[in-house]
Amino acid sequence: MNRNGRWQSWVKLGGFSTAGVLSAVLVINTLSVPVRGSTVTYQAQFSSVEGLNVGNPVTMNGIRIGRVDSIRFAPNTDGTSRADVDIEVNSDFTLTSNVTAAVRYGDMLGARYVALSDPGGAIMDVSTDEPPARLAAGGVIPLAQTSPAVDLTALLNGFKPLFDALAPEQVNTLTRGFVETFSGQAQTLTTLLTQIAAMTSSLTNNAGIFTQLIDNMSTLMRTMNTRQPQLEQMLTGLNRLSAAVTSGDRQFEMLIDQGNAVLATLANTVNNSSAAYGDTITNLNSMLQTWQPNTEEFTKLLTRLPEFGDAINRTSSYGGFVSLYLCNFTLKIRSHEANIFGYTHSEVCQ
């Protein structure tokens, strides 16, 4: 029983391993997209091949005739750089020296491919007469005859405000039109423009909002332009504040902690004395209402105070002494009264 069990386990392991290897080979063949039959290698020079990967297809008039074999970095004679792309093309076809190459979008997910085009109709069966100016195996398609990849991501990001105002199906249709147009399918340009006109027509109902927004932005920019020195000072101050906070010095943290304690104490004091503060403010309001009509009399009092002081000074000079005892000093304004020295008198006043 043990031998049979081990034998069955080995059989299961072998079957599982075989299935895994076959699946891996299938995936690799699917991703690599090999070219059937014998191939001829050519080189295409691009200023940019962003998004292009080894294994991407090479097409002519929408028909796949090869694949990208390798991509490498190379310098130009003028100090700039380029990308040299080796492509494999089925040997049943040939290219002329007039062939052009472009990196285009394969789908909306960002897949790229190399599209070949020959103005002279260069690709033909080799069994027929050889076309003139044939591009030999290993020949180079120079920079002057290639078109780099278009960064549609940056282009579509510029239309983000428009996409936010459209329905998802409208966004998909418009994006597909962008991809097809900038991938070289010129016949879709008219369709793209028609789609843009139709989709943006629904936004005309909000023309007043957009106009107001533009006006507000213009006013804001003019204000910022006139306040440029103050804006620079504010940014400089914020920069210094940020530098001080991030410098690692704990003084800022201590200041916040101490300020928090002071505010807590002040809040507690105000809370405990809220009734007294209310009475004080009420009495102060009443006093000011009484004081205001008698401003002239109060001004006269303040004017005569220096004369009163001079008289006391003359009386007490040259050895003369005057003993003044203020037994009571009360300020009374209508029904409001304030005794400065209190109601307890000294022995002299008793």
Foldseek 3Di string as FASTA:
>chain_A
DVVVVVVVVVVVVVVVVVVVVVVVVVVVCVQLVAAPDDWFKEKEKEAAAPQADFSAFEEEPPHTFWTWHDWDKDADPVGGIIIIIMIIGHPQWWAALQKAWEWAAPDLVRHIHIYIYHPVPQTDGPVDDHDPRTADGHYYNYHVRYYYYDPVVVVVVVCVVVVVPFDPVLVVVLSRLVRCCVRPVVVSPVVNVVSVVVSCVVVVVCVVVVVVVVVVVVVVVVVCVVCVVVVVVVVVVVVVVVCVVPVPDCPVVVVVVVVVVVVVVVVVVCVVCVVVVVVVVVVVVVVVVQCVVVVVVVVVVVVCVVVVVVVQVVQPPPPHDDDDAPQWDWDDRVPDIDTPVDDDGDPVVD
